[in-house]
């Protein structure tokens, strides 16, 4: 059997924390009506890809997105992984202060563009923590599906950090944040990772 694995990754569909412009992991934020439509559209785009499993962050918005996709593809259920959750903001969790959003973006830029994983927004997670857990989750998924195709639903910062470590995205993706529920292909060939397309 081939070691080649296809991961069709995406950020969750639009959710309440996004429309409220709230910062952080916010595990209980739910999809908006528009988010439900976006998830259904993602499912239509993924039909025919041969997806056998859907993996998701444990956050409600990601699980809802994954559930809509899994149901549409006729799969029995989705697999939640804690490692795919969004970056935690510590005491800044849930803040809608524009200055906090700027700090979060500056932190992510430090990780992706400058390679400074020591950076953190306040007492939130640093880049080492977010990258390590996301890489571990993606690596585990790939190891479990040699020759297969799976879908992965995550978050903009944690997916970007993890895939930056695996694929060396760097500055070429900065300024192009992942849109909601837009699947893109990530591949593992048994030796290296490839992220040829970036939908942002």
C-alpha atoms as a PDB file:
ATOM      1  CA  UNK A   1       0.000   0.000   0.000  1.00  0.00           C
ATOM      2  CA  UNK A   2       1.220   3.500  -0.828  1.00  0.00           C
ATOM      3  CA  UNK A   3       2.268   5.804   2.020  1.00  0.00           C
ATOM      4  CA  UNK A   4       0.829   8.771   0.133  1.00  0.00           C
ATOM      5  CA  UNK A   5      -1.901  10.501   2.156  1.00  0.00           C
ATOM      6  CA  UNK A   6      -4.153  13.338   1.046  1.00  0.00           C
ATOM      7  CA  UNK A   7      -5.467  15.682   3.738  1.00  0.00           C
ATOM      8  CA  UNK A   8      -8.136  18.121   2.593  1.00  0.00           C
ATOM      9  CA  UNK A   9      -7.749  20.759   5.278  1.00  0.00           C
ATOM     10  CA  UNK A  10      -9.923  23.749   6.032  1.00  0.00           C
ATOM     11  CA  UNK A  11     -10.762  26.361   8.582  1.00  0.00           C
ATOM     12  CA  UNK A  12     -14.197  25.950  10.221  1.00  0.00           C
ATOM     13  CA  UNK A  13     -17.156  27.774   8.704  1.00  0.00           C
ATOM     14  CA  UNK A  14     -18.225  31.235   9.921  1.00  0.00           C
ATOM     15  CA  UNK A  15     -19.009  31.281  13.645  1.00  0.00           C
ATOM     16  CA  UNK A  16     -20.318  33.577  16.362  1.00  0.00           C
ATOM     17  CA  UNK A  17     -16.848  34.421  17.692  1.00  0.00           C
ATOM     18  CA  UNK A  18     -15.831  35.631  14.229  1.00  0.00           C
ATOM     19  CA  UNK A  19     -18.842  37.914  13.782  1.00  0.00           C
ATOM     20  CA  UNK A  20     -18.313  39.213  17.332  1.00  0.00           C
ATOM     21  CA  UNK A  21     -14.605  39.715  16.536  1.00  0.00           C
ATOM     22  CA  UNK A  22     -13.689  37.907  19.762  1.00  0.00           C
ATOM     23  CA  UNK A  23     -10.144  36.604  20.260  1.00  0.00           C
ATOM     24  CA  UNK A  24      -8.918  33.202  21.361  1.00  0.00           C
ATOM     25  CA  UNK A  25      -9.848  29.520  21.275  1.00  0.00           C
ATOM     26  CA  UNK A  26     -13.473  30.063  22.425  1.00  0.00           C
ATOM     27  CA  UNK A  27     -14.462  26.387  22.366  1.00  0.00           C
ATOM     28  CA  UNK A  28     -18.225  26.937  22.727  1.00  0.00           C
ATOM     29  CA  UNK A  29     -18.815  29.397  19.864  1.00  0.00           C
ATOM     30  CA  UNK A  30     -21.314  28.027  17.360  1.00  0.00           C
ATOM     31  CA  UNK A  31     -21.745  28.414  13.613  1.00  0.00           C
ATOM     32  CA  UNK A  32     -23.817  31.268  12.246  1.00  0.00           C
ATOM     33  CA  UNK A  33     -26.565  30.546   9.685  1.00  0.00           C
ATOM     34  CA  UNK A  34     -24.091  31.605   7.008  1.00  0.00           C
ATOM     35  CA  UNK A  35     -21.575  29.193   8.514  1.00  0.00           C
ATOM     36  CA  UNK A  36     -24.022  26.306   8.102  1.00  0.00           C
ATOM     37  CA  UNK A  37     -24.372  27.221   4.413  1.00  0.00           C
ATOM     38  CA  UNK A  38     -20.582  27.414   4.015  1.00  0.00           C
ATOM     39  CA  UNK A  39     -20.121  23.973   5.576  1.00  0.00           C
ATOM     40  CA  UNK A  40     -22.739  22.500   3.233  1.00  0.00           C
ATOM     41  CA  UNK A  41     -20.942  24.075   0.266  1.00  0.00           C
ATOM     42  CA  UNK A  42     -17.623  22.601   1.471  1.00  0.00           C
ATOM     43  CA  UNK A  43     -19.297  19.179   1.602  1.00  0.00           C
ATOM     44  CA  UNK A  44     -20.427  19.582  -2.006  1.00  0.00           C
ATOM     45  CA  UNK A  45     -16.872  20.500  -3.028  1.00  0.00           C
ATOM     46  CA  UNK A  46     -15.502  17.421  -1.261  1.00  0.00           C
ATOM     47  CA  UNK A  47     -17.950  14.962  -2.818  1.00  0.00           C
ATOM     48  CA  UNK A  48     -16.098  12.513  -5.054  1.00  0.00           C
ATOM     49  CA  UNK A  49     -12.736  12.997  -3.300  1.00  0.00           C
ATOM     50  CA  UNK A  50     -12.894   9.574  -1.687  1.00  0.00           C
ATOM     51  CA  UNK A  51     -12.796  10.869   1.876  1.00  0.00           C
ATOM     52  CA  UNK A  52     -13.032   8.085   4.434  1.00  0.00           C
ATOM     53  CA  UNK A  53     -12.723  10.041   7.704  1.00  0.00           C
ATOM     54  CA  UNK A  54     -13.273  13.593   8.946  1.00  0.00           C
ATOM     55  CA  UNK A  55     -11.034  14.897  11.746  1.00  0.00           C
ATOM     56  CA  UNK A  56     -11.859  18.048  13.662  1.00  0.00           C
ATOM     57  CA  UNK A  57     -10.842  20.345  16.444  1.00  0.00           C
ATOM     58  CA  UNK A  58     -12.855  19.795  19.624  1.00  0.00           C
ATOM     59  CA  UNK A  59     -14.317  23.334  19.386  1.00  0.00           C
ATOM     60  CA  UNK A  60     -18.074  23.415  18.738  1.00  0.00           C
ATOM     61  CA  UNK A  61     -17.759  25.474  15.528  1.00  0.00           C
ATOM     62  CA  UNK A  62     -15.278  22.996  14.053  1.00  0.00           C
ATOM     63  CA  UNK A  63     -17.293  19.960  15.147  1.00  0.00           C
ATOM     64  CA  UNK A  64     -20.429  21.462  13.611  1.00  0.00           C
ATOM     65  CA  UNK A  65     -18.595  22.100  10.337  1.00  0.00           C
ATOM     66  CA  UNK A  66     -17.158  18.581  10.331  1.00  0.00           C
ATOM     67  CA  UNK A  67     -20.509  17.060  11.228  1.00  0.00           C
ATOM     68  CA  UNK A  68     -22.258  18.706   8.280  1.00  0.00           C
ATOM     69  CA  UNK A  69     -19.504  17.480   5.956  1.00  0.00           C
ATOM     70  CA  UNK A  70     -19.421  13.968   7.383  1.00  0.00           C
ATOM     71  CA  UNK A  71     -23.200  13.611   7.181  1.00  0.00           C
ATOM     72  CA  UNK A  72     -23.280  14.819   3.576  1.00  0.00           C
ATOM     73  CA  UNK A  73     -20.525  12.353   2.632  1.00  0.00           C
ATOM     74  CA  UNK A  74     -22.343   9.468   4.281  1.00  0.00           C
ATOM     75  CA  UNK A  75     -19.734   8.891   6.996  1.00  0.00           C
ATOM     76  CA  UNK A  76     -20.614   7.469  10.415  1.00  0.00           C
ATOM     77  CA  UNK A  77     -19.086  10.266  12.464  1.00  0.00           C
ATOM     78  CA  UNK A  78     -16.187  12.642  12.938  1.00  0.00           C
ATOM     79  CA  UNK A  79     -13.044  12.285  15.044  1.00  0.00           C
ATOM     80  CA  UNK A  80     -12.293  15.200  17.426  1.00  0.00           C
ATOM     81  CA  UNK A  81      -8.642  15.919  18.260  1.00  0.00           C
ATOM     82  CA  UNK A  82      -7.614  18.368  20.979  1.00  0.00           C
ATOM     83  CA  UNK A  83      -4.385  19.113  19.119  1.00  0.00           C
ATOM     84  CA  UNK A  84      -6.305  20.867  16.340  1.00  0.00           C
ATOM     85  CA  UNK A  85      -7.847  23.551  18.597  1.00  0.00           C
ATOM     86  CA  UNK A  86      -7.191  27.240  18.067  1.00  0.00           C
ATOM     87  CA  UNK A  87      -4.412  29.157  19.851  1.00  0.00           C
ATOM     88  CA  UNK A  88      -5.374  29.975  23.437  1.00  0.00           C
ATOM     89  CA  UNK A  89      -5.208  33.626  24.454  1.00  0.00           C
ATOM     90  CA  UNK A  90      -4.957  33.219  28.236  1.00  0.00           C
ATOM     91  CA  UNK A  91      -6.512  36.150  30.076  1.00  0.00           C
ATOM     92  CA  UNK A  92      -7.269  37.769  26.718  1.00  0.00           C
ATOM     93  CA  UNK A  93      -9.686  34.943  25.778  1.00  0.00           C
ATOM     94  CA  UNK A  94     -12.951  36.293  24.423  1.00  0.00           C
ATOM     95  CA  UNK A  95     -11.856  39.915  24.224  1.00  0.00           C
ATOM     96  CA  UNK A  96     -13.395  41.975  21.426  1.00  0.00           C
ATOM     97  CA  UNK A  97     -10.922  44.824  21.952  1.00  0.00           C
ATOM     98  CA  UNK A  98      -9.388  45.654  18.549  1.00  0.00           C
ATOM     99  CA  UNK A  99      -6.002  46.082  20.239  1.00  0.00           C
ATOM    100  CA  UNK A 100      -6.154  42.452  21.395  1.00  0.00           C
ATOM    101  CA  UNK A 101      -6.883  41.278  17.868  1.00  0.00           C
ATOM    102  CA  UNK A 102      -3.845  43.223  16.687  1.00  0.00           C
ATOM    103  CA  UNK A 103      -1.714  41.531  19.365  1.00  0.00           C
ATOM    104  CA  UNK A 104      -2.964  38.108  18.271  1.00  0.00           C
ATOM    105  CA  UNK A 105      -2.139  38.871  14.640  1.00  0.00           C
ATOM    106  CA  UNK A 106       1.291  40.191  15.577  1.00  0.00           C
ATOM    107  CA  UNK A 107       1.937  36.988  17.522  1.00  0.00           C
ATOM    108  CA  UNK A 108       0.949  34.809  14.569  1.00  0.00           C
ATOM    109  CA  UNK A 109       3.098  36.914  12.244  1.00  0.00           C
ATOM    110  CA  UNK A 110       6.057  36.388  14.551  1.00  0.00           C
ATOM    111  CA  UNK A 111       5.578  32.626  14.279  1.00  0.00           C
ATOM    112  CA  UNK A 112       5.002  32.449  10.518  1.00  0.00           C
ATOM    113  CA  UNK A 113       7.138  35.221   9.044  1.00  0.00           C
ATOM    114  CA  UNK A 114       9.867  35.747  11.646  1.00  0.00           C
ATOM    115  CA  UNK A 115      10.127  32.174  12.908  1.00  0.00           C
ATOM    116  CA  UNK A 116       9.911  33.442  16.493  1.00  0.00           C
ATOM    117  CA  UNK A 117       8.004  30.690  18.296  1.00  0.00           C
ATOM    118  CA  UNK A 118       8.757  32.248  21.688  1.00  0.00           C
ATOM    119  CA  UNK A 119       6.162  34.933  20.945  1.00  0.00           C
ATOM    120  CA  UNK A 120       2.812  34.828  22.756  1.00  0.00           C
ATOM    121  CA  UNK A 121      -0.124  37.193  23.189  1.00  0.00           C
ATOM    122  CA  UNK A 122      -0.042  38.007  26.883  1.00  0.00           C
ATOM    123  CA  UNK A 123      -0.144  34.809  28.932  1.00  0.00           C
ATOM    124  CA  UNK A 124      -1.587  32.759  26.049  1.00  0.00           C
ATOM    125  CA  UNK A 125       0.070  29.898  24.203  1.00  0.00           C
ATOM    126  CA  UNK A 126       3.378  30.494  22.501  1.00  0.00           C
ATOM    127  CA  UNK A 127       4.281  29.230  19.049  1.00  0.00           C
ATOM    128  CA  UNK A 128       6.122  26.198  20.360  1.00  0.00           C
ATOM    129  CA  UNK A 129       2.987  24.885  22.079  1.00  0.00           C
ATOM    130  CA  UNK A 130       0.570  25.552  19.207  1.00  0.00           C
ATOM    131  CA  UNK A 131       2.938  24.233  16.549  1.00  0.00           C
ATOM    132  CA  UNK A 132       3.865  21.095  18.479  1.00  0.00           C
ATOM    133  CA  UNK A 133       0.309  19.987  19.167  1.00  0.00           C
ATOM    134  CA  UNK A 134      -0.942  20.772  15.665  1.00  0.00           C
ATOM    135  CA  UNK A 135       1.985  18.997  14.003  1.00  0.00           C
ATOM    136  CA  UNK A 136       1.447  15.987  16.280  1.00  0.00           C
ATOM    137  CA  UNK A 137      -2.240  15.848  15.316  1.00  0.00           C
ATOM    138  CA  UNK A 138      -1.600  16.102  11.570  1.00  0.00           C
ATOM    139  CA  UNK A 139       1.239  13.579  11.709  1.00  0.00           C
ATOM    140  CA  UNK A 140      -0.942  11.140  13.634  1.00  0.00           C
ATOM    141  CA  UNK A 141      -3.754  11.521  11.110  1.00  0.00           C
ATOM    142  CA  UNK A 142      -1.414  10.845   8.190  1.00  0.00           C
ATOM    143  CA  UNK A 143       0.116   7.819   9.922  1.00  0.00           C
ATOM    144  CA  UNK A 144      -3.321   6.299  10.377  1.00  0.00           C
ATOM    145  CA  UNK A 145      -4.371   6.504   6.715  1.00  0.00           C
ATOM    146  CA  UNK A 146      -1.613   5.321   4.345  1.00  0.00           C
ATOM    147  CA  UNK A 147      -2.890   5.550   0.796  1.00  0.00           C
ATOM    148  CA  UNK A 148      -6.028   7.346   1.958  1.00  0.00           C
ATOM    149  CA  UNK A 149      -7.838  10.662   1.784  1.00  0.00           C
ATOM    150  CA  UNK A 150      -9.244  12.429   4.848  1.00  0.00           C
ATOM    151  CA  UNK A 151     -10.717  15.822   5.691  1.00  0.00           C
ATOM    152  CA  UNK A 152      -9.399  17.977   8.540  1.00  0.00           C
ATOM    153  CA  UNK A 153     -11.336  20.882  10.072  1.00  0.00           C
ATOM    154  CA  UNK A 154      -9.302  23.288  12.190  1.00  0.00           C
ATOM    155  CA  UNK A 155      -8.643  26.968  12.801  1.00  0.00           C
ATOM    156  CA  UNK A 156      -6.806  29.765  11.061  1.00  0.00           C
ATOM    157  CA  UNK A 157      -3.896  30.271  13.492  1.00  0.00           C
ATOM    158  CA  UNK A 158      -3.239  26.701  14.588  1.00  0.00           C
ATOM    159  CA  UNK A 159      -3.519  25.240  11.074  1.00  0.00           C
ATOM    160  CA  UNK A 160      -1.255  27.941   9.687  1.00  0.00           C
ATOM    161  CA  UNK A 161       1.331  27.401  12.426  1.00  0.00           C
ATOM    162  CA  UNK A 162       1.304  23.629  12.074  1.00  0.00           C
ATOM    163  CA  UNK A 163       1.463  23.632   8.295  1.00  0.00           C
ATOM    164  CA  UNK A 164       4.168  26.273   8.372  1.00  0.00           C
ATOM    165  CA  UNK A 165       6.311  23.864  10.376  1.00  0.00           C
ATOM    166  CA  UNK A 166       5.541  20.932   8.082  1.00  0.00           C
ATOM    167  CA  UNK A 167       5.621  22.683   4.701  1.00  0.00           C
ATOM    168  CA  UNK A 168       7.706  25.833   5.254  1.00  0.00           C
ATOM    169  CA  UNK A 169       4.968  28.263   4.232  1.00  0.00           C
ATOM    170  CA  UNK A 170       6.611  31.410   5.586  1.00  0.00           C
ATOM    171  CA  UNK A 171       5.952  34.880   4.283  1.00  0.00           C
ATOM    172  CA  UNK A 172       4.318  33.657   1.066  1.00  0.00           C
ATOM    173  CA  UNK A 173       1.049  33.000   2.913  1.00  0.00           C
ATOM    174  CA  UNK A 174       1.132  36.017   5.202  1.00  0.00           C
ATOM    175  CA  UNK A 175      -1.664  38.440   4.383  1.00  0.00           C
ATOM    176  CA  UNK A 176      -3.740  35.567   2.994  1.00  0.00           C
ATOM    177  CA  UNK A 177      -5.584  34.184   6.042  1.00  0.00           C
ATOM    178  CA  UNK A 178      -7.535  30.992   5.530  1.00  0.00           C
ATOM    179  CA  UNK A 179     -11.116  31.720   4.474  1.00  0.00           C
ATOM    180  CA  UNK A 180     -13.986  29.853   6.092  1.00  0.00           C
ATOM    181  CA  UNK A 181     -14.722  26.294   4.958  1.00  0.00           C
ATOM    182  CA  UNK A 182     -12.455  26.400   1.898  1.00  0.00           C
ATOM    183  CA  UNK A 183     -10.786  22.983   1.491  1.00  0.00           C
ATOM    184  CA  UNK A 184      -7.181  22.840   0.304  1.00  0.00           C
ATOM    185  CA  UNK A 185      -4.877  19.914  -0.323  1.00  0.00           C
ATOM    186  CA  UNK A 186      -1.997  18.935   1.949  1.00  0.00           C
ATOM    187  CA  UNK A 187      -0.022  15.798   1.072  1.00  0.00           C
ATOM    188  CA  UNK A 188       2.317  13.416   2.895  1.00  0.00           C
ATOM    189  CA  UNK A 189       4.290  11.052   0.638  1.00  0.00           C
ATOM    190  CA  UNK A 190       5.943   9.043   3.372  1.00  0.00           C
ATOM    191  CA  UNK A 191       9.017  11.298   3.405  1.00  0.00           C
ATOM    192  CA  UNK A 192       7.901  14.905   3.244  1.00  0.00           C
ATOM    193  CA  UNK A 193       4.870  17.199   3.393  1.00  0.00           C
ATOM    194  CA  UNK A 194       3.575  19.365   0.552  1.00  0.00           C
ATOM    195  CA  UNK A 195       1.182  22.308   0.709  1.00  0.00           C
ATOM    196  CA  UNK A 196       1.072  23.417  -2.904  1.00  0.00           C
ATOM    197  CA  UNK A 197      -2.131  25.440  -2.713  1.00  0.00           C
ATOM    198  CA  UNK A 198      -3.200  28.074  -0.202  1.00  0.00           C
ATOM    199  CA  UNK A 199      -6.758  29.362  -0.503  1.00  0.00           C
ATOM    200  CA  UNK A 200      -6.316  32.633   1.386  1.00  0.00           C
END
